[in-house]
Amino acid sequence: MLIVGINEESHAFSFGSGVFISEQGLILTNAHVVEDSTRLVVYIRNQAIDPEAQIPDEGTPTIAVGYPRVPDVLQIGLTLHASVIPMTITGAAMGRSRTAGLPIPFVQTVGMLNAGSSGGPLVHSETGEIAGLVVHTVPYLEQVKNAQGERLGTAMMRTGLSYSIPASRLRDWLQQNRIPFSAKQPREVPFTLLEKEVPIRAFLTTAHLLHLMAAVLHQDRDLLDLAI
């Protein structure tokens, strides 16, 4: 699902993704998707909207499911829809946690993820089991030149490498914080490219997001124009 964080003091938005981990509606996502937000809105598969989501107290071939670059999608007039991106696990890598700086393992994958996929699930394409939670993609700066070869500046590009928090780490964290979750895994991948959705419902959820952006934004003229 799409998670929208709103900071009503600075009139700012944060866009990210998440995944249900219990039948009671508990959602798992990355901390940086929701931190500094005073309010959260969750858009569930273009079919439902939770305008007052709450944050709990702290703290192989696959596919990645998420909502990359939501403003760009809306800019060209398309409705919201989760992206299903083929990924390949290429091994494990050691990194450091963002808050405490402690060494932790990550799942390294190859595939073209974009900003906005953070917090979405990395799913085993055959079993539908969650292999991890997408947390970071690796960017690099590429020089931009005109037809005469003169340098105009730089553009941020994606390397195709990304990293996810492994499922074992997610389970440990949930258990340590006594957060209930479903141990039963889905029998099939929860999102497919062939899945049919009601078009009218998709437009309603997109319209809700645009209206929300127009109500919150006061400083960002481009996004305000897009919302209108």
Protein backbone atom coordinates (compact mmCIF):
# COMPACT_ATOMS: atom_id res chain seq x y z
CA MET A 1 0.00 0.00 0.00
CA LEU A 2 0.96 3.65 -0.43
CA ILE A 3 1.83 5.53 2.78
CA VAL A 4 1.67 9.33 2.81
CA GLY A 5 3.22 11.14 5.76
CA ILE A 6 2.08 14.71 6.38
CA ASN A 7 3.93 17.30 8.44
CA GLU A 8 1.25 19.89 9.10
CA GLU A 9 3.73 22.32 10.67
CA SER A 10 6.07 22.53 7.67
CA HIS A 11 3.37 21.67 5.07
CA ALA A 12 5.50 18.81 3.71
CA PHE A 13 4.77 15.33 2.34
CA SER A 14 6.64 12.03 2.55
CA PHE A 15 5.74 9.20 0.15
CA GLY A 16 6.60 5.55 0.78
CA SER A 17 5.29 2.00 0.70
CA GLY A 18 4.29 -0.62 3.26
CA VAL A 19 3.01 -4.16 3.70
CA PHE A 20 0.33 -5.76 5.91
CA ILE A 21 1.73 -8.25 8.43
CA SER A 22 -1.45 -9.13 10.33
CA GLU A 23 -5.14 -9.61 9.72
CA GLN A 24 -5.79 -6.81 12.23
CA GLY A 25 -4.31 -4.27 9.81
CA LEU A 26 -0.78 -3.88 11.22
CA ILE A 27 1.53 -2.37 8.59
CA LEU A 28 5.31 -2.64 8.37
CA THR A 29 7.36 0.11 6.70
CA ASN A 30 10.65 2.01 7.06
CA ALA A 31 11.15 4.56 9.84
CA HIS A 32 12.22 7.27 7.39
CA VAL A 33 8.87 7.02 5.59
CA VAL A 34 6.88 8.07 8.66
CA GLU A 35 9.25 10.02 10.92
CA ASP A 36 8.62 13.76 11.35
CA SER A 37 5.01 13.22 10.22
CA THR A 38 2.17 14.57 12.31
CA ARG A 39 -0.43 12.58 10.36
CA LEU A 40 -0.48 9.50 8.15
CA VAL A 41 -2.83 8.48 5.33
CA VAL A 42 -2.74 4.95 3.91
CA TYR A 43 -4.03 4.08 0.42
CA ILE A 44 -4.77 0.36 0.17
CA ARG A 45 -4.58 -1.11 -3.33
CA ASN A 46 -6.64 1.71 -4.87
CA GLN A 47 -9.65 0.30 -3.04
CA ALA A 48 -9.65 1.83 0.44
CA ILE A 49 -8.32 4.84 2.35
CA ASP A 50 -7.32 5.04 6.01
CA PRO A 51 -7.05 8.79 6.75
CA GLU A 52 -5.91 8.42 10.38
CA ALA A 53 -3.37 5.59 10.47
CA GLN A 54 -1.41 5.35 13.74
CA ILE A 55 2.28 4.53 14.34
CA PRO A 56 2.96 1.72 16.95
CA ASP A 57 5.58 2.46 19.58
CA GLU A 58 9.23 1.87 18.58
CA GLY A 59 12.06 1.60 17.09
CA THR A 60 16.35 -16.01 -4.97
CA PRO A 61 14.05 -14.48 -7.73
CA THR A 62 11.87 -11.91 -6.06
CA ILE A 63 9.62 -8.99 -6.83
CA ALA A 64 9.44 -5.62 -5.11
CA VAL A 65 6.04 -3.98 -4.67
CA GLY A 66 5.75 -0.24 -4.09
CA TYR A 67 4.74 3.20 -5.31
CA PRO A 68 7.84 4.78 -6.87
CA ARG A 69 7.85 8.50 -7.67
CA VAL A 70 4.20 9.25 -6.94
CA PRO A 71 4.39 12.97 -7.95
CA ASP A 72 5.88 12.02 -11.33
CA VAL A 73 3.07 9.54 -11.98
CA LEU A 74 0.39 12.08 -11.10
CA GLN A 75 2.12 14.74 -13.21
CA ILE A 76 1.35 12.84 -16.43
CA GLY A 77 -2.27 12.22 -15.45
CA LEU A 78 -2.19 8.55 -14.45
CA THR A 79 -4.02 7.03 -11.49
CA LEU A 80 -2.25 5.43 -8.55
CA HIS A 81 -1.12 1.83 -8.97
CA ALA A 82 1.51 -0.22 -7.22
CA SER A 83 4.57 -1.13 -9.29
CA VAL A 84 5.60 -4.80 -9.44
CA ILE A 85 9.31 -4.95 -10.27
CA PRO A 86 11.32 -8.15 -10.97
CA MET A 87 14.35 -8.37 -8.66
CA THR A 88 17.16 -10.88 -8.20
CA ILE A 89 18.81 -11.53 -4.85
CA THR A 90 22.58 -11.42 -5.38
CA GLY A 91 23.74 -12.04 -1.81
CA ALA A 92 24.04 -10.57 1.64
CA ALA A 93 25.86 -7.38 2.58
CA MET A 94 26.81 -5.83 5.90
CA GLY A 95 25.89 -2.23 6.61
CA ARG A 96 25.06 0.05 9.52
CA SER A 97 21.74 1.01 10.98
CA ARG A 98 20.72 4.60 10.30
CA THR A 99 19.91 5.57 13.90
CA ALA A 100 22.37 3.67 16.12
CA GLY A 101 25.11 2.97 13.56
CA LEU A 102 25.22 -0.70 14.52
CA PRO A 103 26.38 -3.32 11.98
CA ILE A 104 23.41 -5.21 10.52
CA PRO A 105 22.91 -7.52 7.52
CA PHE A 106 21.04 -6.52 4.38
CA VAL A 107 19.73 -8.47 1.38
CA GLN A 108 21.37 -7.17 -1.81
CA THR A 109 19.23 -7.22 -4.96
CA VAL A 110 19.62 -6.22 -8.59
CA GLY A 111 16.73 -4.44 -10.33
CA MET A 112 15.64 -0.90 -11.13
CA LEU A 113 13.88 0.40 -8.03
CA ASN A 114 13.08 4.07 -7.64
CA ALA A 115 12.45 6.42 -4.74
CA GLY A 116 9.09 5.64 -3.15
CA SER A 117 9.61 1.88 -3.00
CA SER A 118 11.06 2.24 0.53
CA GLY A 119 9.03 0.28 3.03
CA GLY A 120 7.49 -2.00 0.41
CA PRO A 121 7.94 -5.78 0.56
CA LEU A 122 10.53 -7.86 -1.26
CA VAL A 123 8.54 -11.00 -2.12
CA HIS A 124 9.64 -14.47 -3.24
CA SER A 125 8.08 -14.74 -6.70
CA GLU A 126 7.35 -18.49 -6.38
CA THR A 127 6.10 -18.83 -2.79
CA GLY A 128 4.76 -15.35 -2.04
CA GLU A 129 6.75 -15.24 1.20
CA ILE A 130 8.19 -11.92 2.34
CA ALA A 131 11.98 -12.01 1.98
CA GLY A 132 12.60 -8.51 3.27
CA LEU A 133 11.61 -4.86 3.43
CA VAL A 134 13.05 -2.50 0.80
CA VAL A 135 15.06 0.21 2.54
CA HIS A 136 17.64 1.76 0.21
CA THR A 137 18.63 2.15 -3.43
CA VAL A 138 22.10 3.23 -4.54
CA PRO A 139 22.27 6.45 -6.60
CA TYR A 140 25.13 8.06 -8.48
CA LEU A 141 25.72 11.39 -10.21
CA GLU A 142 26.10 11.48 -13.99
CA GLN A 143 27.47 14.49 -15.89
CA VAL A 144 25.00 16.15 -18.27
CA LYS A 145 26.34 17.77 -21.46
CA ASN A 146 24.75 19.60 -24.35
CA ALA A 147 25.16 18.77 -28.06
CA GLN A 148 28.44 20.71 -28.12
CA GLY A 149 29.87 18.68 -25.27
CA GLU A 150 29.65 21.51 -22.76
CA ARG A 151 28.92 20.47 -19.20
CA LEU A 152 25.51 21.60 -17.98
CA GLY A 153 25.51 19.99 -14.54
CA THR A 154 24.76 16.59 -13.02
CA ALA A 155 21.75 14.28 -12.81
CA MET A 156 21.06 11.64 -10.18
CA MET A 157 20.86 8.13 -11.66
CA ARG A 158 20.20 4.67 -10.19
CA THR A 159 22.81 1.91 -10.22
CA GLY A 160 20.32 -0.96 -10.14
CA LEU A 161 21.56 -2.08 -6.72
CA SER A 162 19.21 -1.97 -3.74
CA TYR A 163 19.15 -3.26 -0.19
CA SER A 164 16.42 -4.71 2.00
CA ILE A 165 16.10 -5.60 5.66
CA PRO A 166 15.93 -9.44 5.77
CA ALA A 167 12.75 -11.12 7.00
CA SER A 168 14.60 -12.76 9.91
CA ARG A 169 15.61 -9.33 11.19
CA LEU A 170 12.04 -8.08 10.84
CA ARG A 171 10.69 -11.05 12.83
CA ASP A 172 13.27 -10.51 15.60
CA TRP A 173 12.38 -6.82 15.87
CA LEU A 174 8.65 -7.51 16.00
CA GLN A 175 9.11 -10.18 18.69
CA GLN A 176 11.45 -8.02 20.78
CA ASN A 177 8.89 -5.20 20.75
CA ARG A 178 6.01 -7.62 21.39
CA ILE A 179 4.22 -6.61 18.20
CA PRO A 180 1.84 -9.37 17.03
CA PHE A 181 2.18 -10.50 13.43
CA SER A 182 0.90 -13.35 11.31
CA ALA A 183 3.35 -16.24 10.97
CA LYS A 184 1.24 -17.64 8.13
CA GLN A 185 2.58 -16.67 4.73
CA PRO A 186 0.35 -16.01 1.71
CA ARG A 187 0.01 -18.80 -0.81
CA GLU A 188 0.50 -16.52 -3.75
CA VAL A 189 2.04 -13.16 -4.55
CA PRO A 190 -0.43 -10.53 -3.27
CA PHE A 191 -0.11 -8.26 -6.33
CA THR A 192 -0.01 -9.29 -9.99
CA LEU A 193 0.24 -7.34 -13.19
CA LEU A 194 -2.87 -9.07 -14.50
CA GLU A 195 -5.07 -8.24 -11.51
CA LYS A 196 -8.20 -6.31 -12.49
CA GLU A 197 -9.36 -3.40 -10.36
CA VAL A 198 -12.45 -1.23 -10.54
CA PRO A 199 -11.40 1.85 -12.57
CA ILE A 200 -13.84 4.21 -10.82
CA ARG A 201 -12.41 3.26 -7.42
CA ALA A 202 -8.89 3.91 -8.65
CA PHE A 203 -9.87 7.42 -9.73
CA LEU A 204 -11.49 8.11 -6.34
CA THR A 205 -8.34 7.25 -4.39
CA THR A 206 -6.20 9.31 -6.77
CA ALA A 207 -8.61 12.25 -6.41
CA HIS A 208 -8.43 11.90 -2.62
CA LEU A 209 -4.63 12.18 -2.70
CA LEU A 210 -4.73 15.20 -5.00
CA HIS A 211 -7.28 16.91 -2.75
CA LEU A 212 -5.11 16.12 0.28
CA MET A 213 -2.07 17.64 -1.41
CA ALA A 214 -4.00 20.79 -2.28
CA ALA A 215 -5.20 21.12 1.33
CA VAL A 216 -1.73 20.71 2.87
CA LEU A 217 0.63 22.41 0.43
CA HIS A 218 1.19 26.13 0.77
CA GLN A 219 4.82 26.67 -0.20
CA ASP A 220 5.53 24.23 -3.05
CA ARG A 221 3.96 25.92 -6.08
CA ASP A 222 4.67 23.04 -8.50
CA LEU A 223 3.01 20.39 -6.36
CA LEU A 224 0.14 22.71 -5.52
CA ASP A 225 -0.49 23.29 -9.24
CA LEU A 226 -0.33 19.52 -9.79
CA ALA A 227 -2.87 18.92 -7.02
CA ILE A 228 -5.23 21.51 -8.45
